[in-house]
């Protein structure tokens, strides 16, 4: 689940699974498809969906992203979707972000983070026209949609070349997506720092390695992409004051 120094077996499928995907009918792309033009910003009102596989260890990354947005003073409504508890089968995490604090899920998502090649095309269909797709760059977009913005990221390569901790590399690879989405939406580093420290409150030794992995994704966004979509987050005041964010098992 989490990227904690005491763990060695959680999330062991992620990087190895991504590497195997490269042998499948996938090819490297650099956003070659036409995209609908956007002119108006969408601020603090969006739905993010992370599509992964069960047992990949993405839950900690999902929670850190959620905590970072909540720390900005923005209401959040996260939801896990587990069609199966069998390791390796599809799982989704949907995060509704709204100034009004709406809890209901939307039929379509604004930002898709795609890690699961098995549900790749299915997941693409859930994105609204004009939406965003952050995906492992080896996933093929040969027959994909042309009305969304693609941000291909070499998650597997970044994990291999930028994360020095061999034992935790497969777990920490999940944190790279948090950094990419933070760059995409304008989440400040202070919010990420707070979220990681809060997530690992009882295991402070896990904080530096997780922040380093998030920075890998954050830096990759800054160095390789220009903003081509309308989605943005801005700090809010007085909306979540007096509220706390807890998981269902803690309530």
C-alpha atoms as a PDB file:
ATOM      1  CA  UNK A   1       0.000   0.000   0.000  1.00  0.00           C
ATOM      2  CA  UNK A   2       2.354   2.734   1.161  1.00  0.00           C
ATOM      3  CA  UNK A   3       5.972   3.497   0.309  1.00  0.00           C
ATOM      4  CA  UNK A   4       7.316   2.694   3.738  1.00  0.00           C
ATOM      5  CA  UNK A   5      10.887   1.553   4.385  1.00  0.00           C
ATOM      6  CA  UNK A   6       9.659  -1.443   6.389  1.00  0.00           C
ATOM      7  CA  UNK A   7       7.778  -2.839   3.438  1.00  0.00           C
ATOM      8  CA  UNK A   8       9.322  -4.811   0.607  1.00  0.00           C
ATOM      9  CA  UNK A   9       6.495  -6.660  -1.120  1.00  0.00           C
ATOM     10  CA  UNK A  10       3.630  -4.190  -1.495  1.00  0.00           C
ATOM     11  CA  UNK A  11       3.047  -2.769  -4.943  1.00  0.00           C
ATOM     12  CA  UNK A  12       5.502  -5.225  -6.537  1.00  0.00           C
ATOM     13  CA  UNK A  13       3.593  -5.467  -9.781  1.00  0.00           C
ATOM     14  CA  UNK A  14       3.574  -1.852 -10.902  1.00  0.00           C
ATOM     15  CA  UNK A  15       6.922  -1.274 -12.644  1.00  0.00           C
ATOM     16  CA  UNK A  16       7.323  -4.883 -13.751  1.00  0.00           C
ATOM     17  CA  UNK A  17       3.819  -4.806 -15.162  1.00  0.00           C
ATOM     18  CA  UNK A  18       4.470  -1.562 -17.028  1.00  0.00           C
ATOM     19  CA  UNK A  19       7.672  -3.048 -18.452  1.00  0.00           C
ATOM     20  CA  UNK A  20       5.785  -6.068 -19.757  1.00  0.00           C
ATOM     21  CA  UNK A  21       3.266  -3.755 -21.352  1.00  0.00           C
ATOM     22  CA  UNK A  22       6.024  -2.492 -23.654  1.00  0.00           C
ATOM     23  CA  UNK A  23       5.951  -5.817 -25.418  1.00  0.00           C
ATOM     24  CA  UNK A  24       2.258  -5.497 -26.128  1.00  0.00           C
ATOM     25  CA  UNK A  25       0.798  -3.644 -29.052  1.00  0.00           C
ATOM     26  CA  UNK A  26       1.837  -0.278 -27.721  1.00  0.00           C
ATOM     27  CA  UNK A  27       4.071   2.392 -29.141  1.00  0.00           C
ATOM     28  CA  UNK A  28       5.669   5.570 -27.915  1.00  0.00           C
ATOM     29  CA  UNK A  29       3.682   8.696 -28.743  1.00  0.00           C
ATOM     30  CA  UNK A  30       4.163  12.399 -28.216  1.00  0.00           C
ATOM     31  CA  UNK A  31       0.649  13.828 -28.317  1.00  0.00           C
ATOM     32  CA  UNK A  32       0.278  13.528 -32.113  1.00  0.00           C
ATOM     33  CA  UNK A  33      -3.504  13.768 -32.254  1.00  0.00           C
ATOM     34  CA  UNK A  34      -5.646  16.824 -32.974  1.00  0.00           C
ATOM     35  CA  UNK A  35      -7.178  18.362 -29.873  1.00  0.00           C
ATOM     36  CA  UNK A  36     -10.182  20.564 -29.360  1.00  0.00           C
ATOM     37  CA  UNK A  37      -9.209  24.110 -28.416  1.00  0.00           C
ATOM     38  CA  UNK A  38     -10.082  25.400 -24.964  1.00  0.00           C
ATOM     39  CA  UNK A  39     -10.385  29.047 -24.079  1.00  0.00           C
ATOM     40  CA  UNK A  40     -11.930  29.222 -20.586  1.00  0.00           C
ATOM     41  CA  UNK A  41     -10.304  28.000 -17.390  1.00  0.00           C
ATOM     42  CA  UNK A  42     -12.026  25.455 -15.185  1.00  0.00           C
ATOM     43  CA  UNK A  43     -11.007  26.273 -11.619  1.00  0.00           C
ATOM     44  CA  UNK A  44     -11.543  23.994  -8.603  1.00  0.00           C
ATOM     45  CA  UNK A  45     -14.340  22.041 -10.284  1.00  0.00           C
ATOM     46  CA  UNK A  46     -13.205  18.747 -11.786  1.00  0.00           C
ATOM     47  CA  UNK A  47     -13.091  14.985 -11.407  1.00  0.00           C
ATOM     48  CA  UNK A  48      -9.849  12.999 -11.453  1.00  0.00           C
ATOM     49  CA  UNK A  49      -9.806   9.247 -12.017  1.00  0.00           C
ATOM     50  CA  UNK A  50      -6.779   7.007 -11.532  1.00  0.00           C
ATOM     51  CA  UNK A  51      -7.103   3.672 -13.331  1.00  0.00           C
ATOM     52  CA  UNK A  52      -4.710   1.075 -11.941  1.00  0.00           C
ATOM     53  CA  UNK A  53      -4.588  -2.596 -10.959  1.00  0.00           C
ATOM     54  CA  UNK A  54      -5.445  -4.026  -7.577  1.00  0.00           C
ATOM     55  CA  UNK A  55      -2.366  -4.538  -5.443  1.00  0.00           C
ATOM     56  CA  UNK A  56      -0.251  -2.002  -7.344  1.00  0.00           C
ATOM     57  CA  UNK A  57       0.128   0.211  -4.289  1.00  0.00           C
ATOM     58  CA  UNK A  58      -1.480   3.289  -5.791  1.00  0.00           C
ATOM     59  CA  UNK A  59      -3.772   3.918  -2.825  1.00  0.00           C
ATOM     60  CA  UNK A  60      -1.160   5.844  -0.852  1.00  0.00           C
ATOM     61  CA  UNK A  61      -0.443   8.038  -3.862  1.00  0.00           C
ATOM     62  CA  UNK A  62      -4.167   8.655  -4.291  1.00  0.00           C
ATOM     63  CA  UNK A  63      -4.547   9.678  -0.658  1.00  0.00           C
ATOM     64  CA  UNK A  64      -1.582  12.040  -0.800  1.00  0.00           C
ATOM     65  CA  UNK A  65      -3.030  13.789  -3.848  1.00  0.00           C
ATOM     66  CA  UNK A  66      -6.378  14.050  -2.061  1.00  0.00           C
ATOM     67  CA  UNK A  67      -4.789  15.447   1.099  1.00  0.00           C
ATOM     68  CA  UNK A  68      -2.785  18.004  -0.883  1.00  0.00           C
ATOM     69  CA  UNK A  69      -5.902  19.375  -2.573  1.00  0.00           C
ATOM     70  CA  UNK A  70      -7.793  19.426   0.728  1.00  0.00           C
ATOM     71  CA  UNK A  71      -4.870  21.315   2.291  1.00  0.00           C
ATOM     72  CA  UNK A  72      -5.427  24.010  -0.343  1.00  0.00           C
ATOM     73  CA  UNK A  73      -8.832  24.567   1.259  1.00  0.00           C
ATOM     74  CA  UNK A  74     -10.769  22.867  -1.540  1.00  0.00           C
ATOM     75  CA  UNK A  75     -13.530  20.337  -0.750  1.00  0.00           C
ATOM     76  CA  UNK A  76     -12.809  16.808  -2.000  1.00  0.00           C
ATOM     77  CA  UNK A  77     -14.917  13.662  -2.302  1.00  0.00           C
ATOM     78  CA  UNK A  78     -12.807  10.544  -3.026  1.00  0.00           C
ATOM     79  CA  UNK A  79     -14.195   7.137  -3.944  1.00  0.00           C
ATOM     80  CA  UNK A  80     -12.523   3.765  -4.393  1.00  0.00           C
ATOM     81  CA  UNK A  81     -13.967   1.316  -6.907  1.00  0.00           C
ATOM     82  CA  UNK A  82     -12.914  -2.302  -6.389  1.00  0.00           C
ATOM     83  CA  UNK A  83     -14.702  -4.651  -8.806  1.00  0.00           C
ATOM     84  CA  UNK A  84     -12.506  -7.413  -7.442  1.00  0.00           C
ATOM     85  CA  UNK A  85     -10.179  -8.011  -4.505  1.00  0.00           C
ATOM     86  CA  UNK A  86      -7.991 -10.241  -6.661  1.00  0.00           C
ATOM     87  CA  UNK A  87      -4.500  -8.851  -7.104  1.00  0.00           C
ATOM     88  CA  UNK A  88      -3.826  -7.710 -10.655  1.00  0.00           C
ATOM     89  CA  UNK A  89      -7.437  -6.999 -11.634  1.00  0.00           C
ATOM     90  CA  UNK A  90      -8.655  -3.461 -12.434  1.00  0.00           C
ATOM     91  CA  UNK A  91      -9.339  -0.862  -9.779  1.00  0.00           C
ATOM     92  CA  UNK A  92     -10.212   2.820  -9.970  1.00  0.00           C
ATOM     93  CA  UNK A  93      -9.961   5.829  -7.667  1.00  0.00           C
ATOM     94  CA  UNK A  94     -12.183   8.795  -8.438  1.00  0.00           C
ATOM     95  CA  UNK A  95     -11.705  12.182  -6.808  1.00  0.00           C
ATOM     96  CA  UNK A  96     -14.444  14.795  -7.101  1.00  0.00           C
ATOM     97  CA  UNK A  97     -13.230  18.350  -6.509  1.00  0.00           C
ATOM     98  CA  UNK A  98     -15.853  21.093  -6.203  1.00  0.00           C
ATOM     99  CA  UNK A  99     -16.118  24.434  -4.374  1.00  0.00           C
ATOM    100  CA  UNK A 100     -19.610  23.390  -3.241  1.00  0.00           C
ATOM    101  CA  UNK A 101     -18.395  20.110  -1.733  1.00  0.00           C
ATOM    102  CA  UNK A 102     -20.579  17.866  -3.903  1.00  0.00           C
ATOM    103  CA  UNK A 103     -20.208  14.179  -3.049  1.00  0.00           C
ATOM    104  CA  UNK A 104     -21.851  12.447  -6.007  1.00  0.00           C
ATOM    105  CA  UNK A 105     -19.707  10.914  -8.729  1.00  0.00           C
ATOM    106  CA  UNK A 106     -19.930  12.179 -12.278  1.00  0.00           C
ATOM    107  CA  UNK A 107     -20.572   9.965 -15.283  1.00  0.00           C
ATOM    108  CA  UNK A 108     -17.554  11.455 -17.064  1.00  0.00           C
ATOM    109  CA  UNK A 109     -14.152  12.424 -15.718  1.00  0.00           C
ATOM    110  CA  UNK A 110     -12.110  15.508 -16.508  1.00  0.00           C
ATOM    111  CA  UNK A 111      -8.649  14.088 -15.870  1.00  0.00           C
ATOM    112  CA  UNK A 112      -7.754  10.426 -16.363  1.00  0.00           C
ATOM    113  CA  UNK A 113      -4.524   8.977 -15.000  1.00  0.00           C
ATOM    114  CA  UNK A 114      -4.127   5.707 -16.914  1.00  0.00           C
ATOM    115  CA  UNK A 115      -1.821   2.941 -15.685  1.00  0.00           C
ATOM    116  CA  UNK A 116      -3.802  -0.144 -16.692  1.00  0.00           C
ATOM    117  CA  UNK A 117      -3.328  -1.221 -20.301  1.00  0.00           C
ATOM    118  CA  UNK A 118      -6.088  -3.821 -19.909  1.00  0.00           C
ATOM    119  CA  UNK A 119      -8.710  -1.094 -19.407  1.00  0.00           C
ATOM    120  CA  UNK A 120      -6.961   1.619 -21.448  1.00  0.00           C
ATOM    121  CA  UNK A 121      -9.565   2.059 -24.180  1.00  0.00           C
ATOM    122  CA  UNK A 122     -12.443   1.521 -21.766  1.00  0.00           C
ATOM    123  CA  UNK A 123     -11.046   4.236 -19.506  1.00  0.00           C
ATOM    124  CA  UNK A 124     -10.604   6.631 -22.421  1.00  0.00           C
ATOM    125  CA  UNK A 125     -14.334   6.489 -23.053  1.00  0.00           C
ATOM    126  CA  UNK A 126     -15.012   7.872 -19.571  1.00  0.00           C
ATOM    127  CA  UNK A 127     -13.250  11.188 -20.272  1.00  0.00           C
ATOM    128  CA  UNK A 128     -15.416  14.137 -21.224  1.00  0.00           C
ATOM    129  CA  UNK A 129     -14.690  15.974 -24.503  1.00  0.00           C
ATOM    130  CA  UNK A 130     -11.964  18.512 -23.812  1.00  0.00           C
ATOM    131  CA  UNK A 131     -10.649  16.442 -20.911  1.00  0.00           C
ATOM    132  CA  UNK A 132      -7.115  15.358 -20.063  1.00  0.00           C
ATOM    133  CA  UNK A 133      -5.391  11.974 -20.228  1.00  0.00           C
ATOM    134  CA  UNK A 134      -2.135  11.419 -18.332  1.00  0.00           C
ATOM    135  CA  UNK A 135      -0.817   8.002 -19.323  1.00  0.00           C
ATOM    136  CA  UNK A 136       2.201   5.727 -19.496  1.00  0.00           C
ATOM    137  CA  UNK A 137       3.800   6.784 -22.747  1.00  0.00           C
ATOM    138  CA  UNK A 138       3.997   3.265 -24.192  1.00  0.00           C
ATOM    139  CA  UNK A 139       0.204   3.025 -24.371  1.00  0.00           C
ATOM    140  CA  UNK A 140      -0.954   3.263 -27.964  1.00  0.00           C
ATOM    141  CA  UNK A 141      -3.190   6.130 -29.072  1.00  0.00           C
ATOM    142  CA  UNK A 142      -3.309   4.911 -32.662  1.00  0.00           C
ATOM    143  CA  UNK A 143      -7.076   4.445 -32.531  1.00  0.00           C
ATOM    144  CA  UNK A 144      -7.770   6.676 -29.544  1.00  0.00           C
ATOM    145  CA  UNK A 145      -9.940   9.759 -29.263  1.00  0.00           C
ATOM    146  CA  UNK A 146      -9.011  13.068 -30.835  1.00  0.00           C
ATOM    147  CA  UNK A 147     -11.075  15.355 -28.592  1.00  0.00           C
ATOM    148  CA  UNK A 148      -8.929  15.124 -25.450  1.00  0.00           C
ATOM    149  CA  UNK A 149      -5.451  16.331 -24.492  1.00  0.00           C
ATOM    150  CA  UNK A 150      -2.791  13.662 -23.987  1.00  0.00           C
ATOM    151  CA  UNK A 151       0.193  13.986 -21.651  1.00  0.00           C
ATOM    152  CA  UNK A 152       2.342  10.851 -22.133  1.00  0.00           C
ATOM    153  CA  UNK A 153       4.751  10.208 -19.267  1.00  0.00           C
ATOM    154  CA  UNK A 154       7.460   7.488 -19.163  1.00  0.00           C
ATOM    155  CA  UNK A 155       6.591   6.366 -15.645  1.00  0.00           C
ATOM    156  CA  UNK A 156       8.523   3.102 -15.922  1.00  0.00           C
ATOM    157  CA  UNK A 157      11.693   4.746 -17.242  1.00  0.00           C
ATOM    158  CA  UNK A 158      11.559   7.525 -14.666  1.00  0.00           C
ATOM    159  CA  UNK A 159      11.245   5.003 -11.858  1.00  0.00           C
ATOM    160  CA  UNK A 160      14.256   3.074 -13.123  1.00  0.00           C
ATOM    161  CA  UNK A 161      16.507   6.066 -13.718  1.00  0.00           C
ATOM    162  CA  UNK A 162      15.466   8.574 -11.053  1.00  0.00           C
ATOM    163  CA  UNK A 163      14.554   6.533  -7.989  1.00  0.00           C
ATOM    164  CA  UNK A 164      17.717   5.322  -6.295  1.00  0.00           C
ATOM    165  CA  UNK A 165      16.125   3.117  -3.653  1.00  0.00           C
ATOM    166  CA  UNK A 166      16.129  -0.316  -5.280  1.00  0.00           C
ATOM    167  CA  UNK A 167      13.991  -1.891  -2.582  1.00  0.00           C
ATOM    168  CA  UNK A 168      11.205   0.682  -2.757  1.00  0.00           C
ATOM    169  CA  UNK A 169      11.432   1.647  -6.430  1.00  0.00           C
ATOM    170  CA  UNK A 170       8.340  -0.268  -7.475  1.00  0.00           C
ATOM    171  CA  UNK A 171       6.309   1.300  -4.694  1.00  0.00           C
ATOM    172  CA  UNK A 172       7.635   4.814  -5.181  1.00  0.00           C
ATOM    173  CA  UNK A 173       6.805   4.712  -8.890  1.00  0.00           C
ATOM    174  CA  UNK A 174       3.208   5.426  -7.904  1.00  0.00           C
ATOM    175  CA  UNK A 175       4.264   8.746  -6.393  1.00  0.00           C
ATOM    176  CA  UNK A 176       5.533  10.011  -9.737  1.00  0.00           C
ATOM    177  CA  UNK A 177       1.980  10.457 -10.978  1.00  0.00           C
ATOM    178  CA  UNK A 178       1.203  12.680  -7.972  1.00  0.00           C
ATOM    179  CA  UNK A 179       3.980  15.042  -9.032  1.00  0.00           C
ATOM    180  CA  UNK A 180       2.801  15.108 -12.637  1.00  0.00           C
ATOM    181  CA  UNK A 181      -0.790  15.903 -11.659  1.00  0.00           C
ATOM    182  CA  UNK A 182       0.448  18.533  -9.197  1.00  0.00           C
ATOM    183  CA  UNK A 183       2.311  20.263 -12.008  1.00  0.00           C
ATOM    184  CA  UNK A 184      -0.683  19.935 -14.304  1.00  0.00           C
ATOM    185  CA  UNK A 185      -3.117  21.517 -11.832  1.00  0.00           C
ATOM    186  CA  UNK A 186      -0.811  23.981 -10.105  1.00  0.00           C
ATOM    187  CA  UNK A 187      -0.784  22.311  -6.692  1.00  0.00           C
ATOM    188  CA  UNK A 188       1.896  24.092  -4.622  1.00  0.00           C
ATOM    189  CA  UNK A 189       4.826  22.126  -3.263  1.00  0.00           C
ATOM    190  CA  UNK A 190       3.948  23.191   0.277  1.00  0.00           C
ATOM    191  CA  UNK A 191       0.636  21.329  -0.021  1.00  0.00           C
ATOM    192  CA  UNK A 192       2.397  18.187  -1.256  1.00  0.00           C
ATOM    193  CA  UNK A 193       4.930  18.389   1.560  1.00  0.00           C
ATOM    194  CA  UNK A 194       2.134  18.706   4.116  1.00  0.00           C
ATOM    195  CA  UNK A 195       0.182  15.813   2.587  1.00  0.00           C
ATOM    196  CA  UNK A 196       3.141  13.428   2.625  1.00  0.00           C
ATOM    197  CA  UNK A 197       4.038  14.287   6.215  1.00  0.00           C
ATOM    198  CA  UNK A 198       0.424  13.820   7.264  1.00  0.00           C
ATOM    199  CA  UNK A 199       0.138  10.489   5.428  1.00  0.00           C
ATOM    200  CA  UNK A 200       3.276   9.133   7.105  1.00  0.00           C
ATOM    201  CA  UNK A 201       2.706  10.764  10.476  1.00  0.00           C
ATOM    202  CA  UNK A 202       3.687   7.592  12.311  1.00  0.00           C
ATOM    203  CA  UNK A 203       6.552   6.745   9.936  1.00  0.00           C
ATOM    204  CA  UNK A 204       8.538   9.966   9.393  1.00  0.00           C
ATOM    205  CA  UNK A 205      11.452   8.108   7.808  1.00  0.00           C
ATOM    206  CA  UNK A 206       9.221   7.442   4.795  1.00  0.00           C
ATOM    207  CA  UNK A 207       8.704  11.154   4.103  1.00  0.00           C
ATOM    208  CA  UNK A 208      11.953  12.051   2.237  1.00  0.00           C
ATOM    209  CA  UNK A 209      11.873   9.163  -0.251  1.00  0.00           C
ATOM    210  CA  UNK A 210       8.234   9.793  -1.103  1.00  0.00           C
ATOM    211  CA  UNK A 211       8.806  13.520  -1.598  1.00  0.00           C
ATOM    212  CA  UNK A 212      11.774  12.752  -3.836  1.00  0.00           C
ATOM    213  CA  UNK A 213       9.626  10.474  -5.999  1.00  0.00           C
ATOM    214  CA  UNK A 214       6.884  13.098  -6.236  1.00  0.00           C
ATOM    215  CA  UNK A 215       9.486  15.655  -7.286  1.00  0.00           C
ATOM    216  CA  UNK A 216      10.535  13.368 -10.145  1.00  0.00           C
ATOM    217  CA  UNK A 217       7.044  13.669 -11.607  1.00  0.00           C
ATOM    218  CA  UNK A 218       6.757  17.360 -10.756  1.00  0.00           C
ATOM    219  CA  UNK A 219      10.051  18.146 -12.502  1.00  0.00           C
ATOM    220  CA  UNK A 220       9.140  16.022 -15.514  1.00  0.00           C
ATOM    221  CA  UNK A 221       5.973  18.042 -15.984  1.00  0.00           C
ATOM    222  CA  UNK A 222       7.839  21.336 -15.697  1.00  0.00           C
ATOM    223  CA  UNK A 223      10.569  20.276 -18.123  1.00  0.00           C
ATOM    224  CA  UNK A 224       8.516  18.529 -20.804  1.00  0.00           C
ATOM    225  CA  UNK A 225       5.014  19.971 -21.069  1.00  0.00           C
ATOM    226  CA  UNK A 226       3.268  23.233 -21.701  1.00  0.00           C
ATOM    227  CA  UNK A 227      -0.248  23.692 -20.404  1.00  0.00           C
ATOM    228  CA  UNK A 228      -2.816  22.786 -23.088  1.00  0.00           C
ATOM    229  CA  UNK A 229      -5.958  22.278 -21.029  1.00  0.00           C
ATOM    230  CA  UNK A 230      -8.315  24.440 -18.937  1.00  0.00           C
ATOM    231  CA  UNK A 231      -8.037  22.725 -15.554  1.00  0.00           C
ATOM    232  CA  UNK A 232      -6.479  24.540 -12.621  1.00  0.00           C
ATOM    233  CA  UNK A 233      -6.654  24.561  -8.823  1.00  0.00           C
ATOM    234  CA  UNK A 234      -6.474  27.679  -6.666  1.00  0.00           C
ATOM    235  CA  UNK A 235      -6.394  27.886  -2.851  1.00  0.00           C
ATOM    236  CA  UNK A 236      -9.694  28.620  -1.110  1.00  0.00           C
ATOM    237  CA  UNK A 237     -10.414  30.036   2.334  1.00  0.00           C
ATOM    238  CA  UNK A 238     -13.272  29.477   4.742  1.00  0.00           C
ATOM    239  CA  UNK A 239     -14.755  26.446   2.983  1.00  0.00           C
ATOM    240  CA  UNK A 240     -13.177  23.465   4.748  1.00  0.00           C
ATOM    241  CA  UNK A 241     -12.305  25.280   7.981  1.00  0.00           C
ATOM    242  CA  UNK A 242     -13.136  23.092  10.960  1.00  0.00           C
ATOM    243  CA  UNK A 243     -13.346  19.970   8.800  1.00  0.00           C
ATOM    244  CA  UNK A 244     -11.030  16.973   8.762  1.00  0.00           C
ATOM    245  CA  UNK A 245     -10.300  14.406   6.074  1.00  0.00           C
ATOM    246  CA  UNK A 246     -10.497  10.792   7.230  1.00  0.00           C
ATOM    247  CA  UNK A 247     -10.726   7.403   5.552  1.00  0.00           C
ATOM    248  CA  UNK A 248     -13.849   5.329   5.990  1.00  0.00           C
ATOM    249  CA  UNK A 249     -12.086   2.869   8.283  1.00  0.00           C
ATOM    250  CA  UNK A 250     -11.101   5.744  10.563  1.00  0.00           C
ATOM    251  CA  UNK A 251     -14.510   7.410  10.759  1.00  0.00           C
END
